[in-house]
Structure formats: C-alpha cells, structure tokens
Amino acid sequence: MTDAGPLPPITAYTDAFSFAPGETLPVRVSSEAGTYRADLVRLVSAETERDGTGFLEEVVAEVPASVHTGRVQGFRPGSYASVPDHPALHPSGAFTIASWIQPTTPGRGRQAILAHVDDAGRGYALELTDEGALELTMSSASGSAAARTPAPLQASRWYFVAASVDPDRGEIRLTQQPEPTWPVEPTAASVTAPLPA
C-alpha cells in the first residue's frame, strides 16, 4: 500500500452532547474533500501519548456508513450578529445604544459591541479598545469624535454599557457599569466628550 499523503482538512461537530436510541444525530461538517464517508464509531480511547493505550475506535456496524458531498463552511470565532441595514440604524438626532456584555478577552485587540459604519468610514462604533476600555467613535463628513472610559473592563464579568449621542448639546456620554456593583468599584465609569462641530 502506498501513502496517498495527508487527507484534506475536515471539521465536524454535533450540536448536542448525547442522543437516545432512535433520535437523529445532526452533524455539521466542513470539508475540502470533494466527497467524504461518515461512519458512526464508538470511541474506546483517545490517548495518543507514547505510553498510553493509543487511539482506539470501533465502527458501529448497525449504522451503515454514508457518503456525502464535501463543501467548505467558514468558521467565525466569537459571538456576533449581522443585521441587515435599516433606516433605524441611521439616526439623525439624539440616540442611545446600550447592551449587556460579558467580555471574555478584553485587552486582546479591538472588539466591536455594536457598529454601523459605511464604506467611507462614516457612522458609529461602540467597541472595546486594544486595552479593554469602552469607546464610542462617531465619524461624519465634518469630522470624528471619540469618548473612552478610563478603566478597562474585567474579563468574565457582566457589564451594562451605554452610549448616548446628543447633537443639540454637542456631546457623547459613555457609561460602563459592572454587575454586581461593589462599594468600591474600580471599573465603573461615565465620561462625556464633545461631538465634532
């Protein structure tokens, strides 16, 4: 037998941890192979260390193998939603955006909480900065403005965050409130910054 080389990448998962007899087992697959064969196996050992049992699996003969057409399905890590454009996303006067968030990796790169920016860079973006602080950036044809809280958010802690824009007063108001709130809270912050003229 000759070595055919490495197999094309294939990634698969199921959306539940256990199933009862007779239930359908949905499997989500991304594969660069033109076709692939799927077998249901019983995993006996996943040990791959030198001194271990080694990788052992048993094919479940009662479930016939099946052949499927492969296709690549991209994976975007993190939780997010993509919302189609809508007139409500283009406020012309005062507006507030707010969210409950639990950042898991603050301080590890800029992360959008809610953003609406056109191809020319005009719009608004409520984000965590590279340092993990809350920031709202507003950009228009007349310029840009930003407000940033002084304290970075802590990982794995719930926060209520809000940004209010008031063109009549010419200001941005930004708030981050951790929950629960302690008597001395170093990450609670509220700041105000001017809007571009």
C-alpha atoms as a PDB file:
ATOM      1  CA  MET A   1       0.000   0.000   0.000  1.00  0.00           C
ATOM      2  CA  THR A   2       1.368   3.435  -0.881  1.00  0.00           C
ATOM      3  CA  ASP A   3       0.935   6.562   1.207  1.00  0.00           C
ATOM      4  CA  ALA A   4      -1.562   8.877  -0.503  1.00  0.00           C
ATOM      5  CA  GLY A   5      -0.315  11.849   1.516  1.00  0.00           C
ATOM      6  CA  PRO A   6      -2.225  13.949   4.017  1.00  0.00           C
ATOM      7  CA  LEU A   7      -6.004  13.861   3.974  1.00  0.00           C
ATOM      8  CA  PRO A   8      -7.908  17.067   3.085  1.00  0.00           C
ATOM      9  CA  PRO A   9      -8.939  19.039   6.189  1.00  0.00           C
ATOM     10  CA  ILE A  10     -12.308  18.076   7.611  1.00  0.00           C
ATOM     11  CA  THR A  11     -14.010  19.528  10.669  1.00  0.00           C
ATOM     12  CA  ALA A  12     -17.240  18.209  12.133  1.00  0.00           C
ATOM     13  CA  TYR A  13     -19.326  18.602  15.257  1.00  0.00           C
ATOM     14  CA  THR A  14     -22.769  17.775  16.553  1.00  0.00           C
ATOM     15  CA  ASP A  15     -24.941  20.307  18.354  1.00  0.00           C
ATOM     16  CA  ALA A  16     -25.729  18.155  21.413  1.00  0.00           C
ATOM     17  CA  PHE A  17     -23.680  16.032  23.820  1.00  0.00           C
ATOM     18  CA  SER A  18     -25.894  12.947  23.899  1.00  0.00           C
ATOM     19  CA  PHE A  19     -28.661  11.253  21.954  1.00  0.00           C
ATOM     20  CA  ALA A  20     -31.148   8.495  22.755  1.00  0.00           C
ATOM     21  CA  PRO A  21     -31.666   5.453  20.527  1.00  0.00           C
ATOM     22  CA  GLY A  22     -33.844   6.323  17.544  1.00  0.00           C
ATOM     23  CA  GLU A  23     -33.034  10.055  17.610  1.00  0.00           C
ATOM     24  CA  THR A  24     -31.494  11.780  14.604  1.00  0.00           C
ATOM     25  CA  LEU A  25     -27.846  12.756  15.029  1.00  0.00           C
ATOM     26  CA  PRO A  26     -27.276  16.016  13.104  1.00  0.00           C
ATOM     27  CA  VAL A  27     -23.612  16.509  12.251  1.00  0.00           C
ATOM     28  CA  ARG A  28     -22.260  19.795  10.881  1.00  0.00           C
ATOM     29  CA  VAL A  29     -19.332  19.229   8.516  1.00  0.00           C
ATOM     30  CA  SER A  30     -16.848  21.435   6.685  1.00  0.00           C
ATOM     31  CA  SER A  31     -14.590  19.582   4.279  1.00  0.00           C
ATOM     32  CA  GLU A  32     -12.178  20.453   1.493  1.00  0.00           C
ATOM     33  CA  ALA A  33     -12.629  16.931   0.117  1.00  0.00           C
ATOM     34  CA  GLY A  34     -14.944  16.520  -2.864  1.00  0.00           C
ATOM     35  CA  THR A  35     -16.707  13.680  -1.038  1.00  0.00           C
ATOM     36  CA  TYR A  36     -16.253  12.019   2.319  1.00  0.00           C
ATOM     37  CA  ARG A  37     -17.523   8.894   4.055  1.00  0.00           C
ATOM     38  CA  ALA A  38     -19.074   9.096   7.507  1.00  0.00           C
ATOM     39  CA  ASP A  39     -19.037   6.186   9.954  1.00  0.00           C
ATOM     40  CA  LEU A  40     -20.553   6.141  13.422  1.00  0.00           C
ATOM     41  CA  VAL A  41     -17.848   4.938  15.796  1.00  0.00           C
ATOM     42  CA  ARG A  42     -17.570   4.139  19.468  1.00  0.00           C
ATOM     43  CA  LEU A  43     -14.502   5.885  20.876  1.00  0.00           C
ATOM     44  CA  VAL A  44     -12.642   3.417  23.100  1.00  0.00           C
ATOM     45  CA  SER A  45      -9.549   5.534  23.780  1.00  0.00           C
ATOM     46  CA  ALA A  46      -8.401   8.946  22.626  1.00  0.00           C
ATOM     47  CA  GLU A  47      -4.997   8.549  24.282  1.00  0.00           C
ATOM     48  CA  THR A  48      -2.244   9.433  21.828  1.00  0.00           C
ATOM     49  CA  GLU A  49       0.710   9.717  24.213  1.00  0.00           C
ATOM     50  CA  ARG A  50       3.593   7.297  23.697  1.00  0.00           C
ATOM     51  CA  ASP A  51       2.966   5.338  26.899  1.00  0.00           C
ATOM     52  CA  GLY A  52      -0.827   5.306  26.565  1.00  0.00           C
ATOM     53  CA  THR A  53      -3.260   2.812  25.100  1.00  0.00           C
ATOM     54  CA  GLY A  54      -3.271   4.625  21.794  1.00  0.00           C
ATOM     55  CA  PHE A  55      -6.191   5.862  19.734  1.00  0.00           C
ATOM     56  CA  LEU A  56      -8.858   3.139  19.552  1.00  0.00           C
ATOM     57  CA  GLU A  57     -12.283   3.262  17.959  1.00  0.00           C
ATOM     58  CA  GLU A  58     -14.874   0.665  16.980  1.00  0.00           C
ATOM     59  CA  VAL A  59     -17.203   1.117  13.995  1.00  0.00           C
ATOM     60  CA  VAL A  60     -20.872   0.717  14.993  1.00  0.00           C
ATOM     61  CA  ALA A  61     -21.890  -1.862  12.390  1.00  0.00           C
ATOM     62  CA  GLU A  62     -25.629  -1.365  12.984  1.00  0.00           C
ATOM     63  CA  VAL A  63     -25.424   2.138  11.463  1.00  0.00           C
ATOM     64  CA  PRO A  64     -24.396   1.975   7.794  1.00  0.00           C
ATOM     65  CA  ALA A  65     -21.669   4.287   6.503  1.00  0.00           C
ATOM     66  CA  SER A  66     -22.827   7.165   4.306  1.00  0.00           C
ATOM     67  CA  VAL A  67     -21.113   9.186   1.578  1.00  0.00           C
ATOM     68  CA  HIS A  68     -21.608  12.949   1.324  1.00  0.00           C
ATOM     69  CA  THR A  69     -20.503  15.798  -0.921  1.00  0.00           C
ATOM     70  CA  GLY A  70     -17.945  17.977   0.842  1.00  0.00           C
ATOM     71  CA  ARG A  71     -18.063  21.741   0.999  1.00  0.00           C
ATOM     72  CA  VAL A  72     -16.106  24.323   2.956  1.00  0.00           C
ATOM     73  CA  GLN A  73     -18.161  26.198   5.527  1.00  0.00           C
ATOM     74  CA  GLY A  74     -16.302  29.081   7.123  1.00  0.00           C
ATOM     75  CA  PHE A  75     -15.973  29.438  10.863  1.00  0.00           C
ATOM     76  CA  ARG A  76     -16.013  32.825  12.534  1.00  0.00           C
ATOM     77  CA  PRO A  77     -14.936  32.574  16.158  1.00  0.00           C
ATOM     78  CA  GLY A  78     -16.756  34.623  18.755  1.00  0.00           C
ATOM     79  CA  SER A  79     -20.371  35.544  19.225  1.00  0.00           C
ATOM     80  CA  TYR A  80     -21.882  38.104  16.910  1.00  0.00           C
ATOM     81  CA  ALA A  81     -24.923  39.042  14.893  1.00  0.00           C
ATOM     82  CA  SER A  82     -25.011  40.631  11.471  1.00  0.00           C
ATOM     83  CA  VAL A  83     -28.085  42.808  10.962  1.00  0.00           C
ATOM     84  CA  PRO A  84     -29.304  43.958   7.530  1.00  0.00           C
ATOM     85  CA  ASP A  85     -29.188  47.707   7.011  1.00  0.00           C
ATOM     86  CA  HIS A  86     -32.302  49.541   8.164  1.00  0.00           C
ATOM     87  CA  PRO A  87     -33.319  53.227   8.478  1.00  0.00           C
ATOM     88  CA  ALA A  88     -33.371  52.846  12.291  1.00  0.00           C
ATOM     89  CA  LEU A  89     -29.597  52.348  12.127  1.00  0.00           C
ATOM     90  CA  HIS A  90     -29.190  55.863  10.656  1.00  0.00           C
ATOM     91  CA  PRO A  91     -30.311  58.173  13.488  1.00  0.00           C
ATOM     92  CA  SER A  92     -30.415  61.835  12.529  1.00  0.00           C
ATOM     93  CA  GLY A  93     -30.870  63.252  16.028  1.00  0.00           C
ATOM     94  CA  ALA A  94     -30.105  62.161  19.567  1.00  0.00           C
ATOM     95  CA  PHE A  95     -29.829  58.436  20.171  1.00  0.00           C
ATOM     96  CA  THR A  96     -28.671  55.891  22.740  1.00  0.00           C
ATOM     97  CA  ILE A  97     -27.286  52.420  22.205  1.00  0.00           C
ATOM     98  CA  ALA A  98     -26.936  50.017  25.121  1.00  0.00           C
ATOM     99  CA  SER A  99     -26.060  46.421  25.759  1.00  0.00           C
ATOM    100  CA  TRP A 100     -25.352  43.862  28.447  1.00  0.00           C
ATOM    101  CA  ILE A 101     -21.972  42.273  27.733  1.00  0.00           C
ATOM    102  CA  GLN A 102     -19.633  39.795  29.391  1.00  0.00           C
ATOM    103  CA  PRO A 103     -16.255  40.289  27.708  1.00  0.00           C
ATOM    104  CA  THR A 104     -14.114  37.158  27.742  1.00  0.00           C
ATOM    105  CA  THR A 105     -10.946  38.601  26.205  1.00  0.00           C
ATOM    106  CA  PRO A 106     -10.764  42.348  26.917  1.00  0.00           C
ATOM    107  CA  GLY A 107      -7.346  43.811  26.191  1.00  0.00           C
ATOM    108  CA  ARG A 108      -6.683  41.414  23.307  1.00  0.00           C
ATOM    109  CA  GLY A 109      -7.424  43.642  20.348  1.00  0.00           C
ATOM    110  CA  ARG A 110     -10.232  45.981  19.352  1.00  0.00           C
ATOM    111  CA  GLN A 111     -13.658  44.308  19.630  1.00  0.00           C
ATOM    112  CA  ALA A 112     -16.931  45.731  18.317  1.00  0.00           C
ATOM    113  CA  ILE A 113     -20.001  45.638  20.523  1.00  0.00           C
ATOM    114  CA  LEU A 114     -22.257  47.480  18.074  1.00  0.00           C
ATOM    115  CA  ALA A 115     -21.074  49.232  14.946  1.00  0.00           C
ATOM    116  CA  HIS A 116     -22.625  50.811  11.877  1.00  0.00           C
ATOM    117  CA  VAL A 117     -20.019  52.252   9.524  1.00  0.00           C
ATOM    118  CA  ASP A 118     -20.347  52.799   5.774  1.00  0.00           C
ATOM    119  CA  ASP A 119     -17.663  52.230   3.130  1.00  0.00           C
ATOM    120  CA  ALA A 120     -16.438  55.820   3.565  1.00  0.00           C
ATOM    121  CA  GLY A 121     -15.914  55.279   7.308  1.00  0.00           C
ATOM    122  CA  ARG A 122     -18.911  57.377   8.390  1.00  0.00           C
ATOM    123  CA  GLY A 123     -21.033  56.099  11.251  1.00  0.00           C
ATOM    124  CA  TYR A 124     -20.576  54.973  14.826  1.00  0.00           C
ATOM    125  CA  ALA A 125     -18.851  52.143  16.626  1.00  0.00           C
ATOM    126  CA  LEU A 126     -19.192  51.126  20.283  1.00  0.00           C
ATOM    127  CA  GLU A 127     -16.137  48.982  20.946  1.00  0.00           C
ATOM    128  CA  LEU A 128     -13.626  47.712  23.441  1.00  0.00           C
ATOM    129  CA  THR A 129     -10.219  49.244  22.744  1.00  0.00           C
ATOM    130  CA  ASP A 130      -6.955  47.325  22.480  1.00  0.00           C
ATOM    131  CA  GLU A 131      -6.592  47.894  26.237  1.00  0.00           C
ATOM    132  CA  GLY A 132     -10.148  46.719  27.015  1.00  0.00           C
ATOM    133  CA  ALA A 133     -11.715  50.142  27.728  1.00  0.00           C
ATOM    134  CA  LEU A 134     -15.146  51.080  26.357  1.00  0.00           C
ATOM    135  CA  GLU A 135     -15.078  53.563  23.468  1.00  0.00           C
ATOM    136  CA  LEU A 136     -17.623  55.171  21.170  1.00  0.00           C
ATOM    137  CA  THR A 137     -16.345  56.651  17.914  1.00  0.00           C
ATOM    138  CA  MET A 138     -18.544  58.904  15.765  1.00  0.00           C
ATOM    139  CA  SER A 139     -17.435  59.791  12.221  1.00  0.00           C
ATOM    140  CA  SER A 140     -19.162  62.051   9.723  1.00  0.00           C
ATOM    141  CA  ALA A 141     -18.260  64.249   6.753  1.00  0.00           C
ATOM    142  CA  SER A 142     -17.468  67.058   9.216  1.00  0.00           C
ATOM    143  CA  GLY A 143     -15.012  65.048  11.323  1.00  0.00           C
ATOM    144  CA  SER A 144     -14.823  62.437  14.046  1.00  0.00           C
ATOM    145  CA  ALA A 145     -15.020  62.301  17.819  1.00  0.00           C
ATOM    146  CA  ALA A 146     -14.490  59.607  20.404  1.00  0.00           C
ATOM    147  CA  ALA A 147     -15.199  59.071  24.074  1.00  0.00           C
ATOM    148  CA  ARG A 148     -13.340  56.425  26.062  1.00  0.00           C
ATOM    149  CA  THR A 149     -13.724  55.246  29.632  1.00  0.00           C
ATOM    150  CA  PRO A 150     -10.585  55.437  31.793  1.00  0.00           C
ATOM    151  CA  ALA A 151     -10.796  51.891  33.222  1.00  0.00           C
ATOM    152  CA  PRO A 152     -10.662  48.688  31.177  1.00  0.00           C
ATOM    153  CA  LEU A 153     -13.420  46.128  31.634  1.00  0.00           C
ATOM    154  CA  GLN A 154     -12.607  42.953  33.554  1.00  0.00           C
ATOM    155  CA  ALA A 155     -12.817  39.576  31.858  1.00  0.00           C
ATOM    156  CA  SER A 156     -15.789  37.266  32.530  1.00  0.00           C
ATOM    157  CA  ARG A 157     -17.785  39.915  34.369  1.00  0.00           C
ATOM    158  CA  TRP A 158     -21.167  41.257  33.278  1.00  0.00           C
ATOM    159  CA  TYR A 159     -21.399  44.955  32.376  1.00  0.00           C
ATOM    160  CA  PHE A 160     -24.177  47.264  31.334  1.00  0.00           C
ATOM    161  CA  VAL A 161     -22.686  49.575  28.688  1.00  0.00           C
ATOM    162  CA  ALA A 162     -24.378  52.539  27.039  1.00  0.00           C
ATOM    163  CA  ALA A 163     -23.513  55.382  24.701  1.00  0.00           C
ATOM    164  CA  SER A 164     -25.724  58.441  24.219  1.00  0.00           C
ATOM    165  CA  VAL A 165     -25.196  60.987  21.465  1.00  0.00           C
ATOM    166  CA  ASP A 166     -26.856  64.395  21.770  1.00  0.00           C
ATOM    167  CA  PRO A 167     -26.193  66.647  18.752  1.00  0.00           C
ATOM    168  CA  ASP A 168     -28.126  69.563  20.308  1.00  0.00           C
ATOM    169  CA  ARG A 169     -25.788  69.604  23.316  1.00  0.00           C
ATOM    170  CA  GLY A 170     -22.826  68.576  21.160  1.00  0.00           C
ATOM    171  CA  GLU A 171     -21.776  65.670  23.354  1.00  0.00           C
ATOM    172  CA  ILE A 172     -21.279  61.941  23.668  1.00  0.00           C
ATOM    173  CA  ARG A 173     -21.977  60.273  27.014  1.00  0.00           C
ATOM    174  CA  LEU A 174     -20.496  56.849  27.693  1.00  0.00           C
ATOM    175  CA  THR A 175     -21.233  54.570  30.656  1.00  0.00           C
ATOM    176  CA  GLN A 176     -19.944  51.191  31.816  1.00  0.00           C
ATOM    177  CA  GLN A 177     -21.492  49.685  34.937  1.00  0.00           C
ATOM    178  CA  PRO A 178     -20.309  46.312  36.257  1.00  0.00           C
ATOM    179  CA  GLU A 179     -22.792  43.938  37.860  1.00  0.00           C
ATOM    180  CA  PRO A 180     -22.892  43.273  40.681  1.00  0.00           C
ATOM    181  CA  THR A 181     -21.593  46.612  41.848  1.00  0.00           C
ATOM    182  CA  TRP A 182     -19.329  46.647  44.877  1.00  0.00           C
ATOM    183  CA  PRO A 183     -18.912  49.551  47.356  1.00  0.00           C
ATOM    184  CA  VAL A 184     -15.551  50.498  45.829  1.00  0.00           C
ATOM    185  CA  GLU A 185     -15.754  49.753  42.129  1.00  0.00           C
ATOM    186  CA  PRO A 186     -12.603  50.471  40.075  1.00  0.00           C
ATOM    187  CA  THR A 187     -14.146  49.657  36.681  1.00  0.00           C
ATOM    188  CA  ALA A 188     -17.323  51.765  36.913  1.00  0.00           C
ATOM    189  CA  ALA A 189     -17.015  54.805  34.670  1.00  0.00           C
ATOM    190  CA  SER A 190     -19.016  57.530  32.993  1.00  0.00           C
ATOM    191  CA  VAL A 191     -17.451  60.060  30.627  1.00  0.00           C
ATOM    192  CA  THR A 192     -18.636  62.874  28.371  1.00  0.00           C
ATOM    193  CA  ALA A 193     -16.867  64.074  25.217  1.00  0.00           C
ATOM    194  CA  PRO A 194     -17.692  66.752  22.630  1.00  0.00           C
ATOM    195  CA  LEU A 195     -19.113  65.894  19.209  1.00  0.00           C
ATOM    196  CA  PRO A 196     -17.476  67.310  16.076  1.00  0.00           C
ATOM    197  CA  ALA A 197     -18.899  70.679  15.108  1.00  0.00           C
END
